[in-house]
N, C-alpha and C. Protein backbone atom coordinates (compact mmCIF):
# COMPACT_ATOMS: atom_id res chain seq x y z
N MET A 1 77.34 -60.27 18.81
CA MET A 1 77.00 -59.63 20.05
C MET A 1 77.17 -60.64 21.18
N THR A 2 77.92 -60.28 22.17
CA THR A 2 78.11 -61.16 23.32
C THR A 2 77.41 -60.58 24.53
N THR A 3 77.12 -61.46 25.43
CA THR A 3 76.44 -61.05 26.65
C THR A 3 77.02 -61.82 27.82
N ASP A 4 76.98 -61.22 28.98
CA ASP A 4 77.50 -61.88 30.17
C ASP A 4 76.46 -62.79 30.83
N SER A 5 75.22 -62.68 30.39
CA SER A 5 74.18 -63.51 31.01
C SER A 5 74.18 -64.89 30.37
N PRO A 6 73.92 -65.92 31.17
CA PRO A 6 73.92 -67.28 30.63
C PRO A 6 72.70 -67.51 29.74
N SER A 7 72.83 -68.50 28.87
CA SER A 7 71.70 -68.90 28.01
C SER A 7 70.60 -69.49 28.88
N PRO A 8 69.35 -69.32 28.45
CA PRO A 8 68.27 -69.94 29.22
C PRO A 8 68.40 -71.46 29.19
N GLU A 9 68.02 -72.10 30.29
CA GLU A 9 68.19 -73.55 30.37
C GLU A 9 67.12 -74.33 29.62
N LYS A 10 65.99 -73.70 29.33
CA LYS A 10 64.90 -74.38 28.63
C LYS A 10 64.16 -73.36 27.78
N LEU A 11 63.60 -73.84 26.67
CA LEU A 11 62.79 -72.98 25.81
C LEU A 11 61.37 -73.51 25.83
N SER A 12 60.43 -72.64 26.19
CA SER A 12 59.00 -72.97 26.21
C SER A 12 58.31 -72.07 25.20
N ILE A 13 57.64 -72.66 24.22
CA ILE A 13 57.03 -71.89 23.14
C ILE A 13 55.52 -72.09 23.16
N VAL A 14 54.78 -70.99 23.29
CA VAL A 14 53.33 -71.02 23.14
C VAL A 14 53.04 -70.83 21.66
N VAL A 15 52.47 -71.84 21.02
CA VAL A 15 52.15 -71.79 19.59
C VAL A 15 50.65 -71.52 19.49
N TYR A 16 50.29 -70.27 19.28
CA TYR A 16 48.91 -69.78 19.34
C TYR A 16 48.32 -69.51 17.96
N ALA A 17 49.10 -68.90 17.10
CA ALA A 17 48.61 -68.44 15.80
C ALA A 17 48.25 -69.60 14.88
N GLY A 18 47.14 -69.47 14.21
CA GLY A 18 46.67 -70.50 13.29
C GLY A 18 47.14 -70.29 11.87
N HIS A 19 48.34 -69.80 11.69
CA HIS A 19 48.92 -69.56 10.37
C HIS A 19 50.09 -70.52 10.15
N TYR A 20 50.11 -71.10 8.97
CA TYR A 20 51.16 -72.06 8.64
C TYR A 20 52.56 -71.51 8.92
N ASP A 21 52.85 -70.30 8.43
CA ASP A 21 54.21 -69.78 8.54
C ASP A 21 54.64 -69.56 9.99
N LYS A 22 53.70 -69.22 10.85
CA LYS A 22 54.04 -69.01 12.26
C LYS A 22 54.27 -70.34 12.97
N VAL A 23 53.45 -71.34 12.68
CA VAL A 23 53.66 -72.66 13.27
C VAL A 23 54.96 -73.26 12.73
N HIS A 24 55.21 -73.09 11.44
CA HIS A 24 56.46 -73.57 10.83
C HIS A 24 57.65 -72.97 11.56
N TYR A 25 57.60 -71.66 11.84
CA TYR A 25 58.75 -71.03 12.50
C TYR A 25 58.88 -71.47 13.95
N ALA A 26 57.78 -71.77 14.61
CA ALA A 26 57.88 -72.33 15.96
C ALA A 26 58.63 -73.66 15.92
N LEU A 27 58.37 -74.46 14.88
CA LEU A 27 59.09 -75.72 14.71
C LEU A 27 60.57 -75.47 14.42
N VAL A 28 60.88 -74.44 13.65
CA VAL A 28 62.27 -74.07 13.38
C VAL A 28 62.99 -73.77 14.70
N MET A 29 62.37 -72.91 15.52
CA MET A 29 62.97 -72.52 16.80
C MET A 29 63.15 -73.74 17.71
N ALA A 30 62.13 -74.59 17.78
CA ALA A 30 62.20 -75.76 18.64
C ALA A 30 63.30 -76.72 18.19
N ALA A 31 63.35 -77.00 16.90
CA ALA A 31 64.36 -77.92 16.38
C ALA A 31 65.77 -77.38 16.60
N ALA A 32 65.96 -76.10 16.38
CA ALA A 32 67.29 -75.50 16.57
C ALA A 32 67.72 -75.57 18.03
N ALA A 33 66.82 -75.21 18.93
CA ALA A 33 67.15 -75.24 20.35
C ALA A 33 67.44 -76.67 20.81
N ALA A 34 66.62 -77.61 20.38
CA ALA A 34 66.83 -79.00 20.77
C ALA A 34 68.14 -79.54 20.18
N ALA A 35 68.50 -79.10 18.98
CA ALA A 35 69.73 -79.56 18.33
C ALA A 35 70.98 -79.12 19.09
N ILE A 36 70.88 -78.02 19.82
CA ILE A 36 72.04 -77.58 20.62
C ILE A 36 71.92 -78.02 22.08
N GLY A 37 71.00 -78.96 22.31
CA GLY A 37 70.91 -79.56 23.63
C GLY A 37 70.00 -78.89 24.63
N ARG A 38 69.22 -77.93 24.18
CA ARG A 38 68.31 -77.24 25.08
C ARG A 38 66.97 -77.97 25.12
N PRO A 39 66.44 -78.27 26.31
CA PRO A 39 65.10 -78.85 26.37
C PRO A 39 64.07 -77.85 25.84
N VAL A 40 63.06 -78.38 25.13
CA VAL A 40 62.05 -77.52 24.50
C VAL A 40 60.67 -78.11 24.72
N THR A 41 59.70 -77.23 24.99
CA THR A 41 58.30 -77.62 25.01
C THR A 41 57.54 -76.71 24.06
N LEU A 42 56.75 -77.33 23.18
CA LEU A 42 55.83 -76.61 22.30
C LEU A 42 54.43 -76.79 22.87
N PHE A 43 53.75 -75.69 23.17
CA PHE A 43 52.40 -75.72 23.73
C PHE A 43 51.44 -75.18 22.68
N PHE A 44 50.72 -76.08 22.00
CA PHE A 44 49.79 -75.70 20.94
C PHE A 44 48.44 -75.33 21.54
N THR A 45 47.94 -74.18 21.14
CA THR A 45 46.62 -73.75 21.60
C THR A 45 45.93 -72.96 20.50
N MET A 46 44.65 -72.73 20.68
CA MET A 46 43.80 -71.96 19.77
C MET A 46 44.02 -72.39 18.32
N GLY A 47 44.19 -71.45 17.39
CA GLY A 47 44.27 -71.78 15.96
C GLY A 47 45.40 -72.72 15.59
N ALA A 48 46.48 -72.70 16.37
CA ALA A 48 47.62 -73.58 16.07
C ALA A 48 47.27 -75.05 16.25
N CYS A 49 46.22 -75.35 17.01
CA CYS A 49 45.80 -76.75 17.21
C CYS A 49 45.45 -77.43 15.89
N HIS A 50 45.03 -76.65 14.90
CA HIS A 50 44.68 -77.24 13.60
C HIS A 50 45.87 -77.95 12.96
N ALA A 51 47.09 -77.53 13.28
CA ALA A 51 48.28 -78.18 12.72
C ALA A 51 48.44 -79.61 13.22
N LEU A 52 47.75 -79.94 14.31
CA LEU A 52 47.89 -81.26 14.92
C LEU A 52 46.77 -82.23 14.56
N LYS A 53 45.82 -81.75 13.73
CA LYS A 53 44.70 -82.61 13.35
C LYS A 53 45.19 -83.81 12.56
N LYS A 54 44.52 -84.91 12.76
CA LYS A 54 44.84 -86.14 12.03
C LYS A 54 44.65 -85.90 10.53
N SER A 55 45.44 -86.56 9.72
CA SER A 55 45.36 -86.44 8.27
C SER A 55 43.97 -86.86 7.79
N ASP A 56 43.56 -86.30 6.65
CA ASP A 56 42.26 -86.67 6.08
C ASP A 56 42.35 -88.05 5.42
N ASP A 57 41.25 -88.49 4.85
CA ASP A 57 41.18 -89.83 4.25
C ASP A 57 42.17 -90.03 3.10
N THR A 58 42.61 -88.94 2.47
CA THR A 58 43.56 -89.06 1.36
C THR A 58 45.01 -88.97 1.85
N GLY A 59 45.20 -88.80 3.17
CA GLY A 59 46.54 -88.69 3.72
C GLY A 59 47.07 -87.28 3.75
N GLY A 60 46.22 -86.31 3.38
CA GLY A 60 46.65 -84.91 3.39
C GLY A 60 46.70 -84.35 4.80
N HIS A 61 47.79 -83.69 5.12
CA HIS A 61 47.97 -83.11 6.45
C HIS A 61 47.13 -81.83 6.58
N ALA A 62 46.52 -81.66 7.73
CA ALA A 62 45.64 -80.50 7.98
C ALA A 62 46.39 -79.17 7.87
N TRP A 63 47.66 -79.16 8.25
CA TRP A 63 48.41 -77.91 8.21
C TRP A 63 48.53 -77.37 6.77
N ARG A 64 48.40 -78.25 5.77
CA ARG A 64 48.52 -77.79 4.38
C ARG A 64 47.44 -76.79 4.00
N SER A 65 46.29 -76.85 4.68
CA SER A 65 45.22 -75.90 4.36
C SER A 65 45.21 -74.68 5.27
N MET A 66 46.16 -74.60 6.19
CA MET A 66 46.23 -73.42 7.06
C MET A 66 46.59 -72.19 6.23
N PRO A 67 46.03 -71.03 6.57
CA PRO A 67 46.36 -69.81 5.82
C PRO A 67 47.76 -69.31 6.17
N LEU A 68 48.25 -68.41 5.34
CA LEU A 68 49.51 -67.72 5.60
C LEU A 68 49.18 -66.40 6.29
N SER A 69 50.11 -65.87 7.06
CA SER A 69 49.81 -64.67 7.84
C SER A 69 49.90 -63.38 7.04
N GLU A 70 50.76 -63.32 6.03
CA GLU A 70 50.97 -62.04 5.36
C GLU A 70 50.92 -62.11 3.84
N GLU A 71 50.47 -63.21 3.31
CA GLU A 71 50.37 -63.32 1.85
C GLU A 71 49.25 -64.29 1.49
N GLU A 72 48.88 -64.29 0.25
CA GLU A 72 47.84 -65.20 -0.24
C GLU A 72 48.39 -66.61 -0.34
N GLY A 73 47.52 -67.57 -0.27
CA GLY A 73 47.92 -68.96 -0.44
C GLY A 73 47.69 -69.75 0.84
N THR A 74 48.14 -70.99 0.79
CA THR A 74 47.97 -71.90 1.93
C THR A 74 49.33 -72.43 2.37
N GLY A 75 49.28 -73.12 3.51
CA GLY A 75 50.49 -73.75 4.01
C GLY A 75 51.08 -74.74 3.02
N GLY A 76 50.21 -75.46 2.32
CA GLY A 76 50.70 -76.42 1.34
C GLY A 76 51.47 -75.75 0.22
N ASP A 77 50.94 -74.61 -0.24
CA ASP A 77 51.65 -73.86 -1.30
C ASP A 77 53.03 -73.41 -0.82
N LYS A 78 53.07 -72.86 0.38
CA LYS A 78 54.33 -72.34 0.93
C LYS A 78 55.29 -73.48 1.19
N ASP A 79 54.80 -74.59 1.72
CA ASP A 79 55.66 -75.73 2.01
C ASP A 79 56.27 -76.30 0.74
N ASP A 80 55.46 -76.36 -0.32
CA ASP A 80 55.98 -76.83 -1.61
C ASP A 80 57.08 -75.90 -2.12
N SER A 81 56.91 -74.60 -1.93
CA SER A 81 57.95 -73.66 -2.39
C SER A 81 59.19 -73.78 -1.51
N TYR A 82 59.00 -74.02 -0.21
CA TYR A 82 60.17 -74.26 0.66
C TYR A 82 60.94 -75.49 0.20
N ALA A 83 60.23 -76.56 -0.11
CA ALA A 83 60.89 -77.78 -0.56
C ALA A 83 61.70 -77.53 -1.83
N ALA A 84 61.15 -76.74 -2.76
CA ALA A 84 61.84 -76.43 -4.01
C ALA A 84 63.10 -75.59 -3.76
N MET A 85 63.12 -74.83 -2.67
CA MET A 85 64.28 -73.99 -2.33
C MET A 85 65.21 -74.67 -1.34
N SER A 86 64.95 -75.94 -1.01
CA SER A 86 65.73 -76.68 -0.02
C SER A 86 65.68 -76.05 1.37
N VAL A 87 64.52 -75.47 1.70
CA VAL A 87 64.24 -74.98 3.05
C VAL A 87 63.49 -76.10 3.76
N ALA A 88 63.79 -76.32 5.01
CA ALA A 88 63.15 -77.40 5.75
C ALA A 88 61.63 -77.28 5.69
N THR A 89 60.99 -78.38 5.36
CA THR A 89 59.53 -78.39 5.26
C THR A 89 58.91 -78.64 6.63
N PHE A 90 57.60 -78.45 6.70
CA PHE A 90 56.86 -78.64 7.94
C PHE A 90 57.08 -80.04 8.49
N GLU A 91 56.90 -81.05 7.65
CA GLU A 91 57.05 -82.43 8.12
C GLU A 91 58.49 -82.76 8.50
N GLU A 92 59.46 -82.22 7.78
CA GLU A 92 60.86 -82.44 8.15
C GLU A 92 61.15 -81.85 9.52
N LEU A 93 60.66 -80.64 9.77
CA LEU A 93 60.88 -80.01 11.07
C LEU A 93 60.15 -80.75 12.17
N LEU A 94 58.93 -81.15 11.89
CA LEU A 94 58.15 -81.89 12.87
C LEU A 94 58.85 -83.18 13.26
N GLN A 95 59.32 -83.93 12.26
CA GLN A 95 60.02 -85.19 12.55
C GLN A 95 61.34 -84.94 13.29
N SER A 96 62.02 -83.85 12.96
CA SER A 96 63.25 -83.50 13.69
C SER A 96 62.94 -83.23 15.15
N CYS A 97 61.87 -82.49 15.40
CA CYS A 97 61.48 -82.19 16.79
C CYS A 97 61.15 -83.47 17.54
N ILE A 98 60.47 -84.38 16.90
CA ILE A 98 60.13 -85.66 17.54
C ILE A 98 61.42 -86.43 17.87
N GLN A 99 62.33 -86.52 16.89
CA GLN A 99 63.58 -87.26 17.10
C GLN A 99 64.45 -86.60 18.17
N LEU A 100 64.38 -85.28 18.27
CA LEU A 100 65.19 -84.54 19.25
C LEU A 100 64.51 -84.44 20.62
N LYS A 101 63.40 -85.16 20.78
CA LYS A 101 62.69 -85.27 22.05
C LYS A 101 62.08 -83.95 22.54
N VAL A 102 61.63 -83.12 21.60
CA VAL A 102 60.87 -81.93 21.98
C VAL A 102 59.56 -82.41 22.60
N THR A 103 59.12 -81.76 23.66
CA THR A 103 57.84 -82.09 24.29
C THR A 103 56.73 -81.35 23.54
N PHE A 104 55.70 -82.08 23.16
CA PHE A 104 54.54 -81.51 22.48
C PHE A 104 53.36 -81.54 23.43
N MET A 105 52.82 -80.38 23.76
CA MET A 105 51.61 -80.28 24.57
C MET A 105 50.52 -79.65 23.73
N VAL A 106 49.28 -80.05 23.99
CA VAL A 106 48.15 -79.42 23.33
C VAL A 106 47.17 -79.01 24.41
N CYS A 107 46.69 -77.79 24.30
CA CYS A 107 45.84 -77.19 25.30
C CYS A 107 44.40 -77.69 25.20
N GLU A 108 43.90 -78.26 26.27
CA GLU A 108 42.52 -78.76 26.29
C GLU A 108 41.53 -77.63 26.01
N MET A 109 41.74 -76.47 26.63
CA MET A 109 40.85 -75.34 26.43
C MET A 109 40.93 -74.83 24.98
N GLY A 110 42.15 -74.80 24.43
CA GLY A 110 42.33 -74.37 23.05
C GLY A 110 41.60 -75.28 22.07
N LEU A 111 41.69 -76.59 22.31
CA LEU A 111 40.97 -77.54 21.45
C LEU A 111 39.46 -77.27 21.51
N ARG A 112 38.96 -77.04 22.71
CA ARG A 112 37.52 -76.79 22.88
C ARG A 112 37.13 -75.47 22.20
N ALA A 113 37.95 -74.46 22.37
CA ALA A 113 37.65 -73.12 21.84
C ALA A 113 37.56 -73.08 20.32
N VAL A 114 38.33 -73.94 19.64
CA VAL A 114 38.31 -73.94 18.17
C VAL A 114 37.52 -75.12 17.60
N GLY A 115 36.76 -75.79 18.45
CA GLY A 115 35.88 -76.86 17.99
C GLY A 115 36.57 -78.17 17.66
N LEU A 116 37.75 -78.42 18.24
CA LEU A 116 38.47 -79.66 17.95
C LEU A 116 38.43 -80.66 19.10
N GLU A 117 37.75 -80.31 20.17
CA GLU A 117 37.67 -81.23 21.31
C GLU A 117 37.03 -82.55 20.86
N GLY A 118 37.69 -83.65 21.18
CA GLY A 118 37.17 -84.96 20.83
C GLY A 118 37.48 -85.40 19.41
N GLN A 119 38.03 -84.50 18.59
CA GLN A 119 38.40 -84.89 17.22
C GLN A 119 39.78 -85.53 17.24
N PRO A 120 40.04 -86.48 16.34
CA PRO A 120 41.32 -87.17 16.37
C PRO A 120 42.49 -86.25 15.98
N LEU A 121 43.54 -86.38 16.77
CA LEU A 121 44.79 -85.67 16.50
C LEU A 121 45.81 -86.66 15.96
N ARG A 122 46.89 -86.15 15.43
CA ARG A 122 47.93 -87.00 14.84
C ARG A 122 48.45 -87.98 15.88
N ASP A 123 48.57 -89.24 15.47
CA ASP A 123 49.08 -90.24 16.40
C ASP A 123 50.58 -90.49 16.21
N ASP A 124 51.20 -89.79 15.27
CA ASP A 124 52.64 -89.91 15.08
C ASP A 124 53.43 -88.88 15.88
N ILE A 125 52.71 -88.03 16.61
CA ILE A 125 53.34 -87.02 17.47
C ILE A 125 53.04 -87.41 18.91
N PRO A 126 54.05 -87.47 19.78
CA PRO A 126 53.80 -87.81 21.18
C PRO A 126 53.18 -86.61 21.91
N LEU A 127 51.86 -86.49 21.81
CA LEU A 127 51.14 -85.34 22.37
C LEU A 127 50.73 -85.58 23.81
N GLU A 128 50.92 -84.55 24.62
CA GLU A 128 50.41 -84.54 25.99
C GLU A 128 49.30 -83.51 26.04
N GLU A 129 48.12 -83.91 26.48
CA GLU A 129 47.04 -82.93 26.66
C GLU A 129 47.17 -82.35 28.05
N GLY A 130 46.90 -81.06 28.14
CA GLY A 130 46.97 -80.38 29.42
C GLY A 130 46.45 -78.97 29.27
N GLY A 131 46.67 -78.20 30.27
CA GLY A 131 46.22 -76.82 30.25
C GLY A 131 47.37 -75.87 30.52
N VAL A 132 47.03 -74.63 30.72
CA VAL A 132 48.04 -73.61 30.96
C VAL A 132 48.85 -73.92 32.22
N VAL A 133 48.19 -74.42 33.25
CA VAL A 133 48.90 -74.75 34.49
C VAL A 133 49.94 -75.85 34.23
N THR A 134 49.56 -76.86 33.45
CA THR A 134 50.49 -77.93 33.09
C THR A 134 51.70 -77.35 32.36
N PHE A 135 51.42 -76.47 31.41
CA PHE A 135 52.51 -75.85 30.64
C PHE A 135 53.41 -75.01 31.55
N LEU A 136 52.83 -74.21 32.40
CA LEU A 136 53.63 -73.36 33.28
C LEU A 136 54.45 -74.18 34.28
N ASN A 137 53.89 -75.29 34.75
CA ASN A 137 54.65 -76.17 35.64
C ASN A 137 55.81 -76.84 34.91
N ASP A 138 55.67 -77.03 33.61
CA ASP A 138 56.72 -77.64 32.80
C ASP A 138 57.84 -76.63 32.50
N ALA A 139 57.51 -75.35 32.46
CA ALA A 139 58.49 -74.31 32.12
C ALA A 139 59.52 -74.17 33.24
N SER A 140 60.66 -73.65 32.89
CA SER A 140 61.73 -73.45 33.86
C SER A 140 61.79 -71.99 34.30
N LYS A 141 62.04 -71.77 35.59
CA LYS A 141 62.16 -70.38 36.06
C LYS A 141 63.39 -69.70 35.47
N ASP A 142 64.34 -70.49 35.01
CA ASP A 142 65.54 -69.94 34.38
C ASP A 142 65.53 -70.13 32.87
N GLY A 143 64.34 -70.40 32.33
CA GLY A 143 64.21 -70.62 30.89
C GLY A 143 63.68 -69.40 30.18
N ALA A 144 63.42 -69.57 28.91
CA ALA A 144 62.85 -68.51 28.07
C ALA A 144 61.48 -68.97 27.59
N MET A 145 60.55 -68.02 27.47
CA MET A 145 59.23 -68.33 26.97
C MET A 145 58.95 -67.41 25.79
N ILE A 146 58.47 -68.03 24.70
CA ILE A 146 58.16 -67.28 23.47
C ILE A 146 56.70 -67.53 23.13
N PHE A 147 56.03 -66.48 22.65
CA PHE A 147 54.63 -66.56 22.24
C PHE A 147 54.56 -66.31 20.75
N ILE A 148 54.08 -67.30 19.98
CA ILE A 148 53.98 -67.15 18.53
C ILE A 148 52.54 -67.31 18.12
């Protein structure tokens, strides 16, 4: 399908859902857009903030315990099955987004709303704390915005 309208100049993704599969797909979208040269911002808020929590004492990533949206199990279970099928895993996508210079924002209000305010977040992700106004100022008037 072709269209006469130009591609959006920037992709801004609101990552709201606290489900592993939805956050995983936001990373898929961000990595793909960044790989073709499109600037991308991921704005984590509400339940999705749990994906950014610092690893526990055993090194386990918090996203592994996130629920799935439409089936039984956890993010860790699904990620392990993705790895077995050679589908990009959560950490692979996350590292790709970091290398491709995707902007990571985390919502101050979202952190407070889900009880994560003041709790340590991952230090391997270049996170910017801000609010909705910060995110909207970062978005492009000629860009696309997706809510997941």
